[in-house]
């Protein structure tokens, strides 16, 4: 058997280490699609009321990373969620009474709660 095809502990650790680094690189940041949506929301959203009648309070907002904010995978989307605050300035984006920054209507996070009204 030649040296390249012979498994060794060192080669195994090298491969596993490389795989781990690649995996961690994928988790190293927020979804780039939403990077520009991190800033403060316009004034009309600062204390706006959500679809579920909860008022947004800047001191009680969670980070998008903390709620696993990402593209929706089905019918459960931010635009039909209780804490969602609908678009108020015709830019196609809304806000959330529980999550910081702009919110895409077709996104989703772990605090999703279906709005039936």
C-alpha atoms as a PDB file:
ATOM      1  CA  UNK A   1       0.000   0.000   0.000  1.00  0.00           C
ATOM      2  CA  UNK A   2       1.338   3.438  -0.818  1.00  0.00           C
ATOM      3  CA  UNK A   3       1.649   6.161   1.811  1.00  0.00           C
ATOM      4  CA  UNK A   4      -1.332   8.261   0.562  1.00  0.00           C
ATOM      5  CA  UNK A   5      -3.844   5.431   0.822  1.00  0.00           C
ATOM      6  CA  UNK A   6      -2.686   4.244   4.247  1.00  0.00           C
ATOM      7  CA  UNK A   7      -4.884   5.742   6.944  1.00  0.00           C
ATOM      8  CA  UNK A   8      -2.970   7.317   9.789  1.00  0.00           C
ATOM      9  CA  UNK A   9      -4.072   9.076  12.918  1.00  0.00           C
ATOM     10  CA  UNK A  10      -2.343  12.278  11.774  1.00  0.00           C
ATOM     11  CA  UNK A  11      -4.125  12.245   8.385  1.00  0.00           C
ATOM     12  CA  UNK A  12      -7.474  11.555  10.058  1.00  0.00           C
ATOM     13  CA  UNK A  13      -7.000  14.453  12.489  1.00  0.00           C
ATOM     14  CA  UNK A  14      -5.984  16.730   9.617  1.00  0.00           C
ATOM     15  CA  UNK A  15      -9.123  15.885   7.630  1.00  0.00           C
ATOM     16  CA  UNK A  16     -11.419  16.201  10.657  1.00  0.00           C
ATOM     17  CA  UNK A  17      -9.844  19.525  11.633  1.00  0.00           C
ATOM     18  CA  UNK A  18     -10.345  20.910   8.133  1.00  0.00           C
ATOM     19  CA  UNK A  19     -13.943  19.755   8.086  1.00  0.00           C
ATOM     20  CA  UNK A  20     -14.581  21.379  11.466  1.00  0.00           C
ATOM     21  CA  UNK A  21     -13.130  24.697  10.267  1.00  0.00           C
ATOM     22  CA  UNK A  22     -15.303  24.676   7.160  1.00  0.00           C
ATOM     23  CA  UNK A  23     -18.379  23.941   9.287  1.00  0.00           C
ATOM     24  CA  UNK A  24     -17.577  26.721  11.734  1.00  0.00           C
ATOM     25  CA  UNK A  25     -17.002  29.184   8.909  1.00  0.00           C
ATOM     26  CA  UNK A  26     -20.579  28.613   7.802  1.00  0.00           C
ATOM     27  CA  UNK A  27     -21.818  29.516  11.292  1.00  0.00           C
ATOM     28  CA  UNK A  28     -19.561  32.502  11.760  1.00  0.00           C
ATOM     29  CA  UNK A  29     -22.064  35.215  10.965  1.00  0.00           C
ATOM     30  CA  UNK A  30     -25.582  36.238  10.192  1.00  0.00           C
ATOM     31  CA  UNK A  31     -27.077  35.520   6.815  1.00  0.00           C
ATOM     32  CA  UNK A  32     -25.439  38.106   4.479  1.00  0.00           C
ATOM     33  CA  UNK A  33     -28.845  38.727   2.887  1.00  0.00           C
ATOM     34  CA  UNK A  34     -29.895  40.467   6.107  1.00  0.00           C
ATOM     35  CA  UNK A  35     -26.677  42.327   7.008  1.00  0.00           C
ATOM     36  CA  UNK A  36     -27.952  45.685   5.753  1.00  0.00           C
ATOM     37  CA  UNK A  37     -31.172  45.287   7.759  1.00  0.00           C
ATOM     38  CA  UNK A  38     -29.446  45.450  11.166  1.00  0.00           C
ATOM     39  CA  UNK A  39     -29.574  49.196  11.678  1.00  0.00           C
ATOM     40  CA  UNK A  40     -32.170  51.070  13.668  1.00  0.00           C
ATOM     41  CA  UNK A  41     -35.639  51.181  12.217  1.00  0.00           C
ATOM     42  CA  UNK A  42     -37.237  54.478  11.168  1.00  0.00           C
ATOM     43  CA  UNK A  43     -39.050  56.539  13.805  1.00  0.00           C
ATOM     44  CA  UNK A  44     -42.500  55.328  12.798  1.00  0.00           C
ATOM     45  CA  UNK A  45     -41.515  51.809  13.971  1.00  0.00           C
ATOM     46  CA  UNK A  46     -39.787  52.710  17.259  1.00  0.00           C
ATOM     47  CA  UNK A  47     -42.909  52.300  19.398  1.00  0.00           C
ATOM     48  CA  UNK A  48     -45.336  50.945  16.801  1.00  0.00           C
ATOM     49  CA  UNK A  49     -47.945  48.350  17.674  1.00  0.00           C
ATOM     50  CA  UNK A  50     -47.755  44.876  16.159  1.00  0.00           C
ATOM     51  CA  UNK A  51     -50.519  42.854  14.522  1.00  0.00           C
ATOM     52  CA  UNK A  52     -51.067  41.211  17.916  1.00  0.00           C
ATOM     53  CA  UNK A  53     -51.394  44.607  19.651  1.00  0.00           C
ATOM     54  CA  UNK A  54     -48.010  44.540  21.410  1.00  0.00           C
ATOM     55  CA  UNK A  55     -46.012  47.765  21.462  1.00  0.00           C
ATOM     56  CA  UNK A  56     -42.393  47.715  20.319  1.00  0.00           C
ATOM     57  CA  UNK A  57     -39.925  48.756  23.008  1.00  0.00           C
ATOM     58  CA  UNK A  58     -36.266  49.290  22.090  1.00  0.00           C
ATOM     59  CA  UNK A  59     -35.144  48.074  25.527  1.00  0.00           C
ATOM     60  CA  UNK A  60     -36.796  44.664  25.144  1.00  0.00           C
ATOM     61  CA  UNK A  61     -35.647  43.582  21.677  1.00  0.00           C
ATOM     62  CA  UNK A  62     -33.766  40.373  20.927  1.00  0.00           C
ATOM     63  CA  UNK A  63     -31.032  40.056  18.324  1.00  0.00           C
ATOM     64  CA  UNK A  64     -31.784  38.361  15.018  1.00  0.00           C
ATOM     65  CA  UNK A  65     -29.031  35.838  15.683  1.00  0.00           C
ATOM     66  CA  UNK A  66     -30.587  35.046  19.047  1.00  0.00           C
ATOM     67  CA  UNK A  67     -33.893  34.084  17.430  1.00  0.00           C
ATOM     68  CA  UNK A  68     -32.398  32.325  14.389  1.00  0.00           C
ATOM     69  CA  UNK A  69     -33.830  34.858  11.901  1.00  0.00           C
ATOM     70  CA  UNK A  70     -33.668  33.512   8.316  1.00  0.00           C
ATOM     71  CA  UNK A  71     -35.641  32.854   5.126  1.00  0.00           C
ATOM     72  CA  UNK A  72     -38.991  31.194   5.753  1.00  0.00           C
ATOM     73  CA  UNK A  73     -39.296  27.576   4.646  1.00  0.00           C
ATOM     74  CA  UNK A  74     -43.063  27.487   4.204  1.00  0.00           C
ATOM     75  CA  UNK A  75     -46.245  29.376   4.986  1.00  0.00           C
ATOM     76  CA  UNK A  76     -45.051  30.454   8.441  1.00  0.00           C
ATOM     77  CA  UNK A  77     -43.602  33.903   7.711  1.00  0.00           C
ATOM     78  CA  UNK A  78     -43.041  37.100   9.626  1.00  0.00           C
ATOM     79  CA  UNK A  79     -45.881  38.842   7.800  1.00  0.00           C
ATOM     80  CA  UNK A  80     -48.386  36.441   9.416  1.00  0.00           C
ATOM     81  CA  UNK A  81     -46.786  36.488  12.875  1.00  0.00           C
ATOM     82  CA  UNK A  82     -48.316  38.138  15.961  1.00  0.00           C
ATOM     83  CA  UNK A  83     -45.317  40.423  16.798  1.00  0.00           C
ATOM     84  CA  UNK A  84     -44.871  41.604  13.171  1.00  0.00           C
ATOM     85  CA  UNK A  85     -45.294  45.326  12.483  1.00  0.00           C
ATOM     86  CA  UNK A  86     -46.396  45.836   8.880  1.00  0.00           C
ATOM     87  CA  UNK A  87     -44.597  48.107   6.419  1.00  0.00           C
ATOM     88  CA  UNK A  88     -45.266  51.744   7.293  1.00  0.00           C
ATOM     89  CA  UNK A  89     -43.116  53.581   4.740  1.00  0.00           C
ATOM     90  CA  UNK A  90     -43.593  51.568   1.518  1.00  0.00           C
ATOM     91  CA  UNK A  91     -40.066  50.109   1.482  1.00  0.00           C
ATOM     92  CA  UNK A  92     -41.338  46.516   1.586  1.00  0.00           C
ATOM     93  CA  UNK A  93     -39.923  45.903   5.073  1.00  0.00           C
ATOM     94  CA  UNK A  94     -41.544  45.835   8.476  1.00  0.00           C
ATOM     95  CA  UNK A  95     -40.377  45.534  12.051  1.00  0.00           C
ATOM     96  CA  UNK A  96     -41.065  43.295  15.028  1.00  0.00           C
ATOM     97  CA  UNK A  97     -42.179  44.101  18.541  1.00  0.00           C
ATOM     98  CA  UNK A  98     -39.660  41.529  19.856  1.00  0.00           C
ATOM     99  CA  UNK A  99     -36.676  41.561  17.430  1.00  0.00           C
ATOM    100  CA  UNK A 100     -34.279  44.370  16.519  1.00  0.00           C
ATOM    101  CA  UNK A 101     -33.840  45.904  13.077  1.00  0.00           C
ATOM    102  CA  UNK A 102     -35.880  45.735   9.921  1.00  0.00           C
ATOM    103  CA  UNK A 103     -37.868  42.568   9.312  1.00  0.00           C
ATOM    104  CA  UNK A 104     -38.478  40.980   5.920  1.00  0.00           C
ATOM    105  CA  UNK A 105     -42.098  39.868   5.546  1.00  0.00           C
ATOM    106  CA  UNK A 106     -40.964  36.526   4.066  1.00  0.00           C
ATOM    107  CA  UNK A 107     -38.500  35.659   6.839  1.00  0.00           C
ATOM    108  CA  UNK A 108     -38.989  33.491   9.946  1.00  0.00           C
ATOM    109  CA  UNK A 109     -37.537  33.082  13.434  1.00  0.00           C
ATOM    110  CA  UNK A 110     -37.951  30.852  16.473  1.00  0.00           C
ATOM    111  CA  UNK A 111     -40.416  33.160  18.226  1.00  0.00           C
ATOM    112  CA  UNK A 112     -42.900  32.825  15.366  1.00  0.00           C
ATOM    113  CA  UNK A 113     -46.514  32.801  16.563  1.00  0.00           C
ATOM    114  CA  UNK A 114     -49.233  32.637  13.909  1.00  0.00           C
ATOM    115  CA  UNK A 115     -51.484  35.668  13.695  1.00  0.00           C
ATOM    116  CA  UNK A 116     -55.042  34.662  12.869  1.00  0.00           C
ATOM    117  CA  UNK A 117     -56.635  38.109  12.732  1.00  0.00           C
END
